[in-house]
Amino acid sequence: MQATQTMQENLRAGDEIMTRAGLYGTIVSTDHENRKALVEIAEGTIITISLDAVATVVDVAEEEPVEAKEEVVESTEGKDTAEDESPEKPAKGYDLN
Protein backbone atom coordinates (compact mmCIF):
# COMPACT_ATOMS: atom_id res chain seq x y z
CA MET A 1 0.00 0.00 0.00
CA GLN A 2 2.87 2.37 0.81
CA ALA A 3 4.45 1.71 -2.62
CA THR A 4 1.17 2.59 -4.37
CA GLN A 5 0.81 5.80 -2.39
CA THR A 6 4.42 6.79 -3.18
CA MET A 7 3.85 6.05 -6.90
CA GLN A 8 0.69 8.22 -6.89
CA GLU A 9 2.52 11.09 -5.14
CA ASN A 10 5.26 10.99 -7.80
CA LEU A 11 2.98 11.10 -10.86
CA ARG A 12 3.95 13.80 -13.36
CA ALA A 13 2.81 15.03 -16.79
CA GLY A 14 3.85 12.56 -19.48
CA ASP A 15 3.55 9.44 -17.32
CA GLU A 16 1.71 6.57 -19.01
CA ILE A 17 -0.72 5.08 -16.48
CA MET A 18 -3.38 2.43 -16.04
CA THR A 19 -6.31 3.08 -13.71
CA ARG A 20 -7.85 0.55 -11.36
CA ALA A 21 -10.74 0.33 -13.86
CA GLY A 22 -8.32 -0.67 -16.63
CA LEU A 23 -8.23 2.62 -18.57
CA TYR A 24 -4.89 3.51 -20.10
CA GLY A 25 -3.80 7.09 -20.62
CA THR A 26 -1.18 9.78 -20.32
CA ILE A 27 -1.03 12.23 -17.42
CA VAL A 28 -1.53 15.77 -18.76
CA SER A 29 -1.33 17.54 -15.41
CA THR A 30 -1.61 16.77 -11.70
CA ASP A 31 -3.12 18.57 -8.71
CA HIS A 32 -1.51 16.75 -5.80
CA GLU A 33 -3.11 19.07 -3.25
CA ASN A 34 -6.62 18.00 -4.35
CA ARG A 35 -5.48 14.47 -5.37
CA LYS A 36 -6.64 14.85 -9.00
CA ALA A 37 -5.10 14.43 -12.44
CA LEU A 38 -6.05 15.23 -16.01
CA VAL A 39 -5.50 12.16 -18.19
CA GLU A 40 -5.63 11.92 -21.99
CA ILE A 41 -7.23 8.55 -22.83
CA ALA A 42 -7.51 9.16 -26.59
CA GLU A 43 -6.33 11.93 -28.88
CA GLY A 44 -8.17 15.05 -27.70
CA THR A 45 -10.11 13.20 -24.97
CA ILE A 46 -9.07 14.33 -21.51
CA ILE A 47 -10.71 13.16 -18.29
CA THR A 48 -10.28 14.13 -14.65
CA ILE A 49 -9.51 11.27 -12.28
CA SER A 50 -8.62 10.87 -8.62
CA LEU A 51 -4.96 10.06 -8.07
CA ASP A 52 -6.26 7.16 -5.96
CA ALA A 53 -7.65 5.63 -9.18
CA VAL A 54 -4.16 5.17 -10.65
CA ALA A 55 -3.13 1.54 -10.30
CA THR A 56 0.25 1.63 -12.00
CA VAL A 57 2.65 3.54 -14.19
CA VAL A 58 2.97 1.64 -17.47
CA ASP A 59 6.41 0.96 -18.88
CA VAL A 60 5.79 1.68 -22.57
CA ALA A 61 8.79 -0.44 -23.62
CA GLU A 62 7.30 -3.54 -21.97
CA GLU A 63 3.82 -3.22 -23.50
CA GLU A 64 2.99 -5.89 -26.03
CA PRO A 65 0.98 -4.82 -29.07
CA VAL A 66 -2.61 -5.98 -29.13
CA GLU A 67 -3.45 -7.88 -32.29
CA ALA A 68 -6.90 -7.65 -33.82
CA LYS A 69 -8.60 -11.00 -34.21
CA GLU A 70 -10.38 -11.76 -37.47
CA GLU A 71 -13.94 -12.93 -37.07
CA VAL A 72 -15.28 -15.39 -39.60
CA VAL A 73 -18.97 -14.91 -40.35
CA GLU A 74 -20.75 -17.68 -42.20
CA SER A 75 -23.05 -16.50 -44.95
CA THR A 76 -26.64 -17.77 -45.03
CA GLU A 77 -27.05 -16.70 -48.66
CA GLY A 78 -28.55 -19.46 -50.73
CA LYS A 79 -29.61 -21.53 -47.73
CA ASP A 80 -33.29 -22.40 -47.40
CA THR A 81 -34.53 -21.49 -43.94
CA ALA A 82 -38.16 -21.36 -42.93
CA GLU A 83 -37.50 -18.69 -40.34
CA ASP A 84 -36.30 -16.19 -42.94
CA GLU A 85 -39.53 -16.50 -44.95
CA SER A 86 -42.09 -16.36 -42.15
CA PRO A 87 -43.45 -12.95 -41.10
CA GLU A 88 -42.55 -11.74 -37.62
CA LYS A 89 -45.34 -12.09 -35.11
CA PRO A 90 -45.65 -9.73 -32.15
CA ALA A 91 -45.30 -11.17 -28.67
CA LYS A 92 -48.54 -12.35 -27.13
CA GLY A 93 -50.58 -9.41 -25.88
CA TYR A 94 -48.90 -6.81 -28.12
CA ASP A 95 -50.40 -5.46 -31.32
CA LEU A 96 -48.16 -3.59 -33.70
CA ASN A 97 -51.07 -1.98 -35.62
PDB file of N, CA and C in Angstrom:
ATOM      1  N   MET A   1       0.830  -1.181   0.000  1.00  0.00           N
ATOM      2  CA  MET A   1       0.000   0.000   0.000  1.00  0.00           C
ATOM      3  C   MET A   1       0.881   1.254   0.000  1.00  0.00           C
ATOM      4  N   GLN A   2       1.954   1.225   0.746  1.00  0.00           N
ATOM      5  CA  GLN A   2       2.871   2.367   0.810  1.00  0.00           C
ATOM      6  C   GLN A   2       3.499   2.626  -0.560  1.00  0.00           C
ATOM      7  N   ALA A   3       3.848   1.559  -1.290  1.00  0.00           N
ATOM      8  CA  ALA A   3       4.453   1.709  -2.615  1.00  0.00           C
ATOM      9  C   ALA A   3       3.472   2.374  -3.580  1.00  0.00           C
ATOM     10  N   THR A   4       2.190   1.989  -3.503  1.00  0.00           N
ATOM     11  CA  THR A   4       1.167   2.585  -4.367  1.00  0.00           C
ATOM     12  C   THR A   4       1.002   4.062  -4.055  1.00  0.00           C
ATOM     13  N   GLN A   5       0.968   4.410  -2.784  1.00  0.00           N
ATOM     14  CA  GLN A   5       0.815   5.805  -2.388  1.00  0.00           C
ATOM     15  C   GLN A   5       2.020   6.632  -2.850  1.00  0.00           C
ATOM     16  N   THR A   6       3.213   6.095  -2.725  1.00  0.00           N
ATOM     17  CA  THR A   6       4.418   6.786  -3.179  1.00  0.00           C
ATOM     18  C   THR A   6       4.380   6.988  -4.691  1.00  0.00           C
ATOM     19  N   MET A   7       3.962   5.950  -5.436  1.00  0.00           N
ATOM     20  CA  MET A   7       3.849   6.050  -6.896  1.00  0.00           C
ATOM     21  C   MET A   7       2.873   7.163  -7.262  1.00  0.00           C
ATOM     22  N   GLN A   8       1.704   7.213  -6.590  1.00  0.00           N
ATOM     23  CA  GLN A   8       0.690   8.220  -6.889  1.00  0.00           C
ATOM     24  C   GLN A   8       1.195   9.629  -6.573  1.00  0.00           C
ATOM     25  N   GLU A   9       1.965   9.784  -5.514  1.00  0.00           N
ATOM     26  CA  GLU A   9       2.517  11.090  -5.140  1.00  0.00           C
ATOM     27  C   GLU A   9       3.573  11.571  -6.130  1.00  0.00           C
ATOM     28  N   ASN A  10       4.200  10.638  -6.858  1.00  0.00           N
ATOM     29  CA  ASN A  10       5.265  10.988  -7.795  1.00  0.00           C
ATOM     30  C   ASN A  10       4.797  11.092  -9.246  1.00  0.00           C
ATOM     31  N   LEU A  11       3.495  10.993  -9.497  1.00  0.00           N
ATOM     32  CA  LEU A  11       2.984  11.100 -10.864  1.00  0.00           C
ATOM     33  C   LEU A  11       3.237  12.491 -11.418  1.00  0.00           C
ATOM     34  N   ARG A  12       3.649  12.532 -12.686  1.00  0.00           N
ATOM     35  CA  ARG A  12       3.950  13.798 -13.360  1.00  0.00           C
ATOM     36  C   ARG A  12       3.395  13.752 -14.788  1.00  0.00           C
ATOM     37  N   ALA A  13       3.249  14.932 -15.395  1.00  0.00           N
ATOM     38  CA  ALA A  13       2.807  15.029 -16.786  1.00  0.00           C
ATOM     39  C   ALA A  13       3.721  14.174 -17.667  1.00  0.00           C
ATOM     40  N   GLY A  14       3.097  13.438 -18.578  1.00  0.00           N
ATOM     41  CA  GLY A  14       3.845  12.565 -19.485  1.00  0.00           C
ATOM     42  C   GLY A  14       3.884  11.118 -19.057  1.00  0.00           C
ATOM     43  N   ASP A  15       3.565  10.826 -17.798  1.00  0.00           N
ATOM     44  CA  ASP A  15       3.554   9.435 -17.325  1.00  0.00           C
ATOM     45  C   ASP A  15       2.413   8.669 -17.982  1.00  0.00           C
ATOM     46  N   GLU A  16       2.724   7.480 -18.482  1.00  0.00           N
ATOM     47  CA  GLU A  16       1.705   6.574 -19.014  1.00  0.00           C
ATOM     48  C   GLU A  16       1.181   5.771 -17.834  1.00  0.00           C
ATOM     49  N   ILE A  17      -0.147   5.750 -17.660  1.00  0.00           N
ATOM     50  CA  ILE A  17      -0.716   5.079 -16.485  1.00  0.00           C
ATOM     51  C   ILE A  17      -1.840   4.123 -16.875  1.00  0.00           C
ATOM     52  N   MET A  18      -2.182   3.250 -15.930  1.00  0.00           N
ATOM     53  CA  MET A  18      -3.380   2.426 -16.035  1.00  0.00           C
ATOM     54  C   MET A  18      -4.159   2.650 -14.753  1.00  0.00           C
ATOM     55  N   THR A  19      -5.475   2.888 -14.891  1.00  0.00           N
ATOM     56  CA  THR A  19      -6.307   3.085 -13.711  1.00  0.00           C
ATOM     57  C   THR A  19      -6.755   1.742 -13.161  1.00  0.00           C
ATOM     58  N   ARG A  20      -7.313   1.766 -11.976  1.00  0.00           N
ATOM     59  CA  ARG A  20      -7.850   0.546 -11.359  1.00  0.00           C
ATOM     60  C   ARG A  20      -8.987  -0.046 -12.196  1.00  0.00           C
ATOM     61  N   ALA A  21      -9.656   0.793 -12.995  1.00  0.00           N
ATOM     62  CA  ALA A  21     -10.740   0.326 -13.865  1.00  0.00           C
ATOM     63  C   ALA A  21     -10.220  -0.219 -15.190  1.00  0.00           C
ATOM     64  N   GLY A  22      -8.902  -0.117 -15.417  1.00  0.00           N
ATOM     65  CA  GLY A  22      -8.323  -0.665 -16.632  1.00  0.00           C
ATOM     66  C   GLY A  22      -8.189   0.320 -17.777  1.00  0.00           C
ATOM     67  N   LEU A  23      -8.425   1.611 -17.533  1.00  0.00           N
ATOM     68  CA  LEU A  23      -8.234   2.623 -18.572  1.00  0.00           C
ATOM     69  C   LEU A  23      -6.761   2.980 -18.659  1.00  0.00           C
ATOM     70  N   TYR A  24      -6.252   3.081 -19.877  1.00  0.00           N
ATOM     71  CA  TYR A  24      -4.885   3.512 -20.096  1.00  0.00           C
ATOM     72  C   TYR A  24      -4.894   4.952 -20.566  1.00  0.00           C
ATOM     73  N   GLY A  25      -3.890   5.715 -20.178  1.00  0.00           N
ATOM     74  CA  GLY A  25      -3.804   7.090 -20.621  1.00  0.00           C
ATOM     75  C   GLY A  25      -2.485   7.719 -20.241  1.00  0.00           C
ATOM     76  N   THR A  26      -2.375   9.001 -20.594  1.00  0.00           N
ATOM     77  CA  THR A  26      -1.178   9.780 -20.316  1.00  0.00           C
ATOM     78  C   THR A  26      -1.544  10.943 -19.414  1.00  0.00           C
ATOM     79  N   ILE A  27      -0.806  11.111 -18.330  1.00  0.00           N
ATOM     80  CA  ILE A  27      -1.034  12.233 -17.419  1.00  0.00           C
ATOM     81  C   ILE A  27      -0.740  13.531 -18.170  1.00  0.00           C
ATOM     82  N   VAL A  28      -1.711  14.458 -18.160  1.00  0.00           N
ATOM     83  CA  VAL A  28      -1.534  15.771 -18.765  1.00  0.00           C
ATOM     84  C   VAL A  28      -1.079  16.754 -17.692  1.00  0.00           C
ATOM     85  N   SER A  29      -1.723  16.701 -16.535  1.00  0.00           N
ATOM     86  CA  SER A  29      -1.325  17.540 -15.407  1.00  0.00           C
ATOM     87  C   SER A  29      -1.828  16.905 -14.122  1.00  0.00           C
ATOM     88  N   THR A  30      -1.212  17.305 -13.005  1.00  0.00           N
ATOM     89  CA  THR A  30      -1.614  16.774 -11.704  1.00  0.00           C
ATOM     90  C   THR A  30      -1.895  17.914 -10.735  1.00  0.00           C
ATOM     91  N   ASP A  31      -2.804  17.649  -9.812  1.00  0.00           N
ATOM     92  CA  ASP A  31      -3.115  18.567  -8.715  1.00  0.00           C
ATOM     93  C   ASP A  31      -2.992  17.724  -7.445  1.00  0.00           C
ATOM     94  N   HIS A  32      -1.766  17.621  -6.944  1.00  0.00           N
ATOM     95  CA  HIS A  32      -1.506  16.752  -5.797  1.00  0.00           C
ATOM     96  C   HIS A  32      -2.229  17.236  -4.539  1.00  0.00           C
ATOM     97  N   GLU A  33      -2.420  18.526  -4.422  1.00  0.00           N
ATOM     98  CA  GLU A  33      -3.108  19.073  -3.249  1.00  0.00           C
ATOM     99  C   GLU A  33      -4.547  18.560  -3.156  1.00  0.00           C
ATOM    100  N   ASN A  34      -5.237  18.485  -4.309  1.00  0.00           N
ATOM    101  CA  ASN A  34      -6.622  18.000  -4.350  1.00  0.00           C
ATOM    102  C   ASN A  34      -6.720  16.540  -4.798  1.00  0.00           C
ATOM    103  N   ARG A  35      -5.560  15.887  -4.987  1.00  0.00           N
ATOM    104  CA  ARG A  35      -5.482  14.466  -5.369  1.00  0.00           C
ATOM    105  C   ARG A  35      -6.233  14.171  -6.656  1.00  0.00           C
ATOM    106  N   LYS A  36      -6.014  15.023  -7.693  1.00  0.00           N
ATOM    107  CA  LYS A  36      -6.642  14.852  -9.005  1.00  0.00           C
ATOM    108  C   LYS A  36      -5.596  14.904 -10.100  1.00  0.00           C
ATOM    109  N   ALA A  37      -5.965  14.361 -11.267  1.00  0.00           N
ATOM    110  CA  ALA A  37      -5.102  14.435 -12.441  1.00  0.00           C
ATOM    111  C   ALA A  37      -5.957  14.530 -13.687  1.00  0.00           C
ATOM    112  N   LEU A  38      -5.436  15.231 -14.684  1.00  0.00           N
ATOM    113  CA  LEU A  38      -6.046  15.226 -16.014  1.00  0.00           C
ATOM    114  C   LEU A  38      -5.310  14.170 -16.811  1.00  0.00           C
ATOM    115  N   VAL A  39      -6.086  13.274 -17.459  1.00  0.00           N
ATOM    116  CA  VAL A  39      -5.497  12.158 -18.194  1.00  0.00           C
ATOM    117  C   VAL A  39      -6.078  12.125 -19.602  1.00  0.00           C
ATOM    118  N   GLU A  40      -5.191  12.058 -20.601  1.00  0.00           N
ATOM    119  CA  GLU A  40      -5.633  11.916 -21.989  1.00  0.00           C
ATOM    120  C   GLU A  40      -5.753  10.428 -22.284  1.00  0.00           C
ATOM    121  N   ILE A  41      -6.990   9.976 -22.583  1.00  0.00           N
ATOM    122  CA  ILE A  41      -7.232   8.551 -22.832  1.00  0.00           C
ATOM    123  C   ILE A  41      -7.332   8.237 -24.325  1.00  0.00           C
ATOM    124  N   ALA A  42      -7.512   9.267 -25.137  1.00  0.00           N
ATOM    125  CA  ALA A  42      -7.506   9.163 -26.591  1.00  0.00           C
ATOM    126  C   ALA A  42      -7.152  10.547 -27.104  1.00  0.00           C
ATOM    127  N   GLU A  43      -6.734  10.629 -28.345  1.00  0.00           N
ATOM    128  CA  GLU A  43      -6.331  11.927 -28.880  1.00  0.00           C
ATOM    129  C   GLU A  43      -7.459  12.940 -28.716  1.00  0.00           C
ATOM    130  N   GLY A  44      -7.189  13.989 -27.930  1.00  0.00           N
ATOM    131  CA  GLY A  44      -8.167  15.047 -27.701  1.00  0.00           C
ATOM    132  C   GLY A  44      -9.206  14.748 -26.642  1.00  0.00           C
ATOM    133  N   THR A  45      -9.156  13.565 -26.013  1.00  0.00           N
ATOM    134  CA  THR A  45     -10.109  13.200 -24.974  1.00  0.00           C
ATOM    135  C   THR A  45      -9.399  13.183 -23.627  1.00  0.00           C
ATOM    136  N   ILE A  46      -9.726  14.183 -22.803  1.00  0.00           N
ATOM    137  CA  ILE A  46      -9.069  14.327 -21.508  1.00  0.00           C
ATOM    138  C   ILE A  46     -10.117  14.207 -20.407  1.00  0.00           C
ATOM    139  N   ILE A  47      -9.812  13.367 -19.420  1.00  0.00           N
ATOM    140  CA  ILE A  47     -10.714  13.158 -18.290  1.00  0.00           C
ATOM    141  C   ILE A  47     -10.012  13.549 -16.998  1.00  0.00           C
ATOM    142  N   THR A  48     -10.807  13.854 -15.980  1.00  0.00           N
ATOM    143  CA  THR A  48     -10.275  14.128 -14.648  1.00  0.00           C
ATOM    144  C   THR A  48     -10.474  12.884 -13.800  1.00  0.00           C
ATOM    145  N   ILE A  49      -9.417  12.443 -13.141  1.00  0.00           N
ATOM    146  CA  ILE A  49      -9.511  11.273 -12.276  1.00  0.00           C
ATOM    147  C   ILE A  49      -8.911  11.604 -10.914  1.00  0.00           C
ATOM    148  N   SER A  50      -9.251  10.803  -9.934  1.00  0.00           N
ATOM    149  CA  SER A  50      -8.621  10.870  -8.624  1.00  0.00           C
ATOM    150  C   SER A  50      -7.261  10.190  -8.732  1.00  0.00           C
ATOM    151  N   LEU A  51      -6.267  10.726  -8.076  1.00  0.00           N
ATOM    152  CA  LEU A  51      -4.964  10.060  -8.068  1.00  0.00           C
ATOM    153  C   LEU A  51      -5.070   8.666  -7.464  1.00  0.00           C
ATOM    154  N   ASP A  52      -6.049   8.473  -6.571  1.00  0.00           N
ATOM    155  CA  ASP A  52      -6.260   7.159  -5.961  1.00  0.00           C
ATOM    156  C   ASP A  52      -6.705   6.109  -6.984  1.00  0.00           C
ATOM    157  N   ALA A  53      -7.197   6.549  -8.145  1.00  0.00           N
ATOM    158  CA  ALA A  53      -7.651   5.629  -9.184  1.00  0.00           C
ATOM    159  C   ALA A  53      -6.500   5.069 -10.006  1.00  0.00           C
ATOM    160  N   VAL A  54      -5.313   5.632  -9.874  1.00  0.00           N
ATOM    161  CA  VAL A  54      -4.160   5.170 -10.652  1.00  0.00           C
ATOM    162  C   VAL A  54      -3.613   3.895 -10.015  1.00  0.00           C
ATOM    163  N   ALA A  55      -3.614   2.824 -10.792  1.00  0.00           N
ATOM    164  CA  ALA A  55      -3.129   1.538 -10.297  1.00  0.00           C
ATOM    165  C   ALA A  55      -1.633   1.382 -10.515  1.00  0.00           C
ATOM    166  N   THR A  56      -1.163   1.836 -11.676  1.00  0.00           N
ATOM    167  CA  THR A  56       0.247   1.627 -11.995  1.00  0.00           C
ATOM    168  C   THR A  56       0.719   2.594 -13.063  1.00  0.00           C
ATOM    169  N   VAL A  57       2.015   2.819 -13.095  1.00  0.00           N
ATOM    170  CA  VAL A  57       2.646   3.539 -14.193  1.00  0.00           C
ATOM    171  C   VAL A  57       3.076   2.463 -15.185  1.00  0.00           C
ATOM    172  N   VAL A  58       2.715   2.645 -16.441  1.00  0.00           N
ATOM    173  CA  VAL A  58       2.971   1.642 -17.474  1.00  0.00           C
ATOM    174  C   VAL A  58       4.327   1.907 -18.099  1.00  0.00           C
ATOM    175  N   ASP A  59       5.134   0.862 -18.195  1.00  0.00           N
ATOM    176  CA  ASP A  59       6.414   0.957 -18.882  1.00  0.00           C
ATOM    177  C   ASP A  59       6.133   0.704 -20.352  1.00  0.00           C
ATOM    178  N   VAL A  60       6.157   1.764 -21.154  1.00  0.00           N
ATOM    179  CA  VAL A  60       5.789   1.676 -22.565  1.00  0.00           C
ATOM    180  C   VAL A  60       6.639   0.653 -23.299  1.00  0.00           C
ATOM    181  N   ALA A  61       7.898   0.508 -22.950  1.00  0.00           N
ATOM    182  CA  ALA A  61       8.791  -0.436 -23.625  1.00  0.00           C
ATOM    183  C   ALA A  61       8.367  -1.883 -23.397  1.00  0.00           C
ATOM    184  N   GLU A  62       7.691  -2.171 -22.281  1.00  0.00           N
ATOM    185  CA  GLU A  62       7.298  -3.542 -21.967  1.00  0.00           C
ATOM    186  C   GLU A  62       5.927  -3.911 -22.505  1.00  0.00           C
ATOM    187  N   GLU A  63       5.165  -2.928 -22.991  1.00  0.00           N
ATOM    188  CA  GLU A  63       3.822  -3.220 -23.495  1.00  0.00           C
ATOM    189  C   GLU A  63       3.908  -4.062 -24.753  1.00  0.00           C
ATOM    190  N   GLU A  64       3.063  -5.079 -24.828  1.00  0.00           N
ATOM    191  CA  GLU A  64       2.987  -5.890 -26.028  1.00  0.00           C
ATOM    192  C   GLU A  64       1.852  -5.373 -26.887  1.00  0.00           C
ATOM    193  N   PRO A  65       2.056  -5.301 -28.213  1.00  0.00           N
ATOM    194  CA  PRO A  65       0.980  -4.823 -29.072  1.00  0.00           C
ATOM    195  C   PRO A  65      -0.217  -5.766 -29.038  1.00  0.00           C
ATOM    196  N   VAL A  66      -1.389  -5.193 -29.109  1.00  0.00           N
ATOM    197  CA  VAL A  66      -2.613  -5.979 -29.127  1.00  0.00           C
ATOM    198  C   VAL A  66      -2.978  -6.240 -30.577  1.00  0.00           C
ATOM    199  N   GLU A  67      -3.122  -7.521 -30.921  1.00  0.00           N
ATOM    200  CA  GLU A  67      -3.451  -7.879 -32.286  1.00  0.00           C
ATOM    201  C   GLU A  67      -4.961  -8.031 -32.432  1.00  0.00           C
ATOM    202  N   ALA A  68      -5.474  -7.511 -33.532  1.00  0.00           N
ATOM    203  CA  ALA A  68      -6.902  -7.654 -33.822  1.00  0.00           C
ATOM    204  C   ALA A  68      -7.158  -9.080 -34.283  1.00  0.00           C
ATOM    205  N   LYS A  69      -8.239  -9.647 -33.802  1.00  0.00           N
ATOM    206  CA  LYS A  69      -8.605 -10.996 -34.215  1.00  0.00           C
ATOM    207  C   LYS A  69      -9.621 -10.901 -35.343  1.00  0.00           C
ATOM    208  N   GLU A  70      -9.427 -11.729 -36.358  1.00  0.00           N
ATOM    209  CA  GLU A  70     -10.378 -11.764 -37.468  1.00  0.00           C
ATOM    210  C   GLU A  70     -11.550 -12.639 -37.093  1.00  0.00           C
ATOM    211  N   GLU A  71     -12.743 -12.149 -37.357  1.00  0.00           N
ATOM    212  CA  GLU A  71     -13.940 -12.925 -37.069  1.00  0.00           C
ATOM    213  C   GLU A  71     -14.500 -13.459 -38.373  1.00  0.00           C
ATOM    214  N   VAL A  72     -14.724 -14.759 -38.420  1.00  0.00           N
ATOM    215  CA  VAL A  72     -15.282 -15.386 -39.600  1.00  0.00           C
ATOM    216  C   VAL A  72     -16.792 -15.462 -39.426  1.00  0.00           C
ATOM    217  N   VAL A  73     -17.515 -14.889 -40.386  1.00  0.00           N
ATOM    218  CA  VAL A  73     -18.967 -14.906 -40.349  1.00  0.00           C
ATOM    219  C   VAL A  73     -19.452 -15.760 -41.499  1.00  0.00           C
ATOM    220  N   GLU A  74     -20.236 -16.778 -41.177  1.00  0.00           N
ATOM    221  CA  GLU A  74     -20.746 -17.677 -42.197  1.00  0.00           C
ATOM    222  C   GLU A  74     -21.962 -17.055 -42.876  1.00  0.00           C
ATOM    223  N   SER A  75     -21.952 -17.069 -44.177  1.00  0.00           N
ATOM    224  CA  SER A  75     -23.049 -16.495 -44.953  1.00  0.00           C
ATOM    225  C   SER A  75     -24.220 -17.470 -44.997  1.00  0.00           C
ATOM    226  N   THR A  76     -25.439 -16.934 -44.907  1.00  0.00           N
ATOM    227  CA  THR A  76     -26.642 -17.766 -45.029  1.00  0.00           C
ATOM    228  C   THR A  76     -27.246 -17.623 -46.419  1.00  0.00           C
ATOM    229  N   GLU A  77     -26.551 -16.911 -47.301  1.00  0.00           N
ATOM    230  CA  GLU A  77     -27.051 -16.699 -48.659  1.00  0.00           C
ATOM    231  C   GLU A  77     -27.173 -18.035 -49.376  1.00  0.00           C
ATOM    232  N   GLY A  78     -28.324 -18.244 -49.981  1.00  0.00           N
ATOM    233  CA  GLY A  78     -28.546 -19.465 -50.731  1.00  0.00           C
ATOM    234  C   GLY A  78     -29.044 -20.625 -49.893  1.00  0.00           C
ATOM    235  N   LYS A  79     -29.117 -20.469 -48.598  1.00  0.00           N
ATOM    236  CA  LYS A  79     -29.614 -21.525 -47.729  1.00  0.00           C
ATOM    237  C   LYS A  79     -31.111 -21.342 -47.560  1.00  0.00           C
ATOM    238  N   ASP A  80     -31.840 -22.437 -47.552  1.00  0.00           N
ATOM    239  CA  ASP A  80     -33.288 -22.400 -47.404  1.00  0.00           C
ATOM    240  C   ASP A  80     -33.638 -22.528 -45.930  1.00  0.00           C
ATOM    241  N   THR A  81     -34.125 -21.439 -45.337  1.00  0.00           N
ATOM    242  CA  THR A  81     -34.526 -21.492 -43.939  1.00  0.00           C
ATOM    243  C   THR A  81     -35.945 -20.987 -43.815  1.00  0.00           C
ATOM    244  N   ALA A  82     -36.763 -21.734 -43.111  1.00  0.00           N
ATOM    245  CA  ALA A  82     -38.165 -21.362 -42.934  1.00  0.00           C
ATOM    246  C   ALA A  82     -38.307 -20.095 -42.113  1.00  0.00           C
ATOM    247  N   GLU A  83     -37.405 -19.870 -41.192  1.00  0.00           N
ATOM    248  CA  GLU A  83     -37.497 -18.693 -40.345  1.00  0.00           C
ATOM    249  C   GLU A  83     -37.391 -17.406 -41.148  1.00  0.00           C
ATOM    250  N   ASP A  84     -36.521 -17.389 -42.152  1.00  0.00           N
ATOM    251  CA  ASP A  84     -36.304 -16.190 -42.942  1.00  0.00           C
ATOM    252  C   ASP A  84     -37.542 -15.805 -43.746  1.00  0.00           C
ATOM    253  N   GLU A  85     -38.381 -16.772 -44.104  1.00  0.00           N
ATOM    254  CA  GLU A  85     -39.526 -16.503 -44.954  1.00  0.00           C
ATOM    255  C   GLU A  85     -40.806 -16.229 -44.179  1.00  0.00           C
ATOM    256  N   SER A  86     -40.862 -16.554 -42.908  1.00  0.00           N
ATOM    257  CA  SER A  86     -42.086 -16.357 -42.146  1.00  0.00           C
ATOM    258  C   SER A  86     -42.138 -14.934 -41.609  1.00  0.00           C
ATOM    259  N   PRO A  87     -43.336 -14.310 -41.621  1.00  0.00           N
ATOM    260  CA  PRO A  87     -43.449 -12.949 -41.098  1.00  0.00           C
ATOM    261  C   PRO A  87     -43.267 -12.953 -39.589  1.00  0.00           C
ATOM    262  N   GLU A  88     -42.730 -11.852 -39.062  1.00  0.00           N
ATOM    263  CA  GLU A  88     -42.546 -11.737 -37.620  1.00  0.00           C
ATOM    264  C   GLU A  88     -43.893 -11.530 -36.960  1.00  0.00           C
ATOM    265  N   LYS A  89     -44.101 -12.224 -35.866  1.00  0.00           N
ATOM    266  CA  LYS A  89     -45.337 -12.087 -35.113  1.00  0.00           C
ATOM    267  C   LYS A  89     -45.031 -11.357 -33.819  1.00  0.00           C
ATOM    268  N   PRO A  90     -45.895 -10.427 -33.414  1.00  0.00           N
ATOM    269  CA  PRO A  90     -45.651  -9.733 -32.152  1.00  0.00           C
ATOM    270  C   PRO A  90     -45.812 -10.678 -30.988  1.00  0.00           C
ATOM    271  N   ALA A  91     -45.172 -10.366 -29.875  1.00  0.00           N
ATOM    272  CA  ALA A  91     -45.296 -11.168 -28.674  1.00  0.00           C
ATOM    273  C   ALA A  91     -46.756 -11.157 -28.224  1.00  0.00           C
ATOM    274  N   LYS A  92     -47.166 -12.217 -27.581  1.00  0.00           N
ATOM    275  CA  LYS A  92     -48.539 -12.355 -27.128  1.00  0.00           C
ATOM    276  C   LYS A  92     -48.939 -11.133 -26.281  1.00  0.00           C
ATOM    277  N   GLY A  93     -50.084 -10.546 -26.619  1.00  0.00           N
ATOM    278  CA  GLY A  93     -50.576  -9.406 -25.882  1.00  0.00           C
ATOM    279  C   GLY A  93     -50.172  -8.063 -26.445  1.00  0.00           C
ATOM    280  N   TYR A  94     -49.324  -8.065 -27.503  1.00  0.00           N
ATOM    281  CA  TYR A  94     -48.895  -6.812 -28.118  1.00  0.00           C
ATOM    282  C   TYR A  94     -49.387  -6.769 -29.553  1.00  0.00           C
ATOM    283  N   ASP A  95     -49.941  -5.646 -29.957  1.00  0.00           N
ATOM    284  CA  ASP A  95     -50.403  -5.463 -31.322  1.00  0.00           C
ATOM    285  C   ASP A  95     -49.617  -4.324 -31.948  1.00  0.00           C
ATOM    286  N   LEU A  96     -48.971  -4.598 -33.056  1.00  0.00           N
ATOM    287  CA  LEU A  96     -48.156  -3.594 -33.697  1.00  0.00           C
ATOM    288  C   LEU A  96     -48.965  -2.617 -34.554  1.00  0.00           C
ATOM    289  N   ASN A  97     -50.245  -2.875 -34.780  1.00  0.00           N
ATOM    290  CA  ASN A  97     -51.066  -1.980 -35.625  1.00  0.00           C
ATOM    291  C   ASN A  97     -51.713  -0.912 -34.821  1.00  0.00           C
TER     292      ASN A  97
END
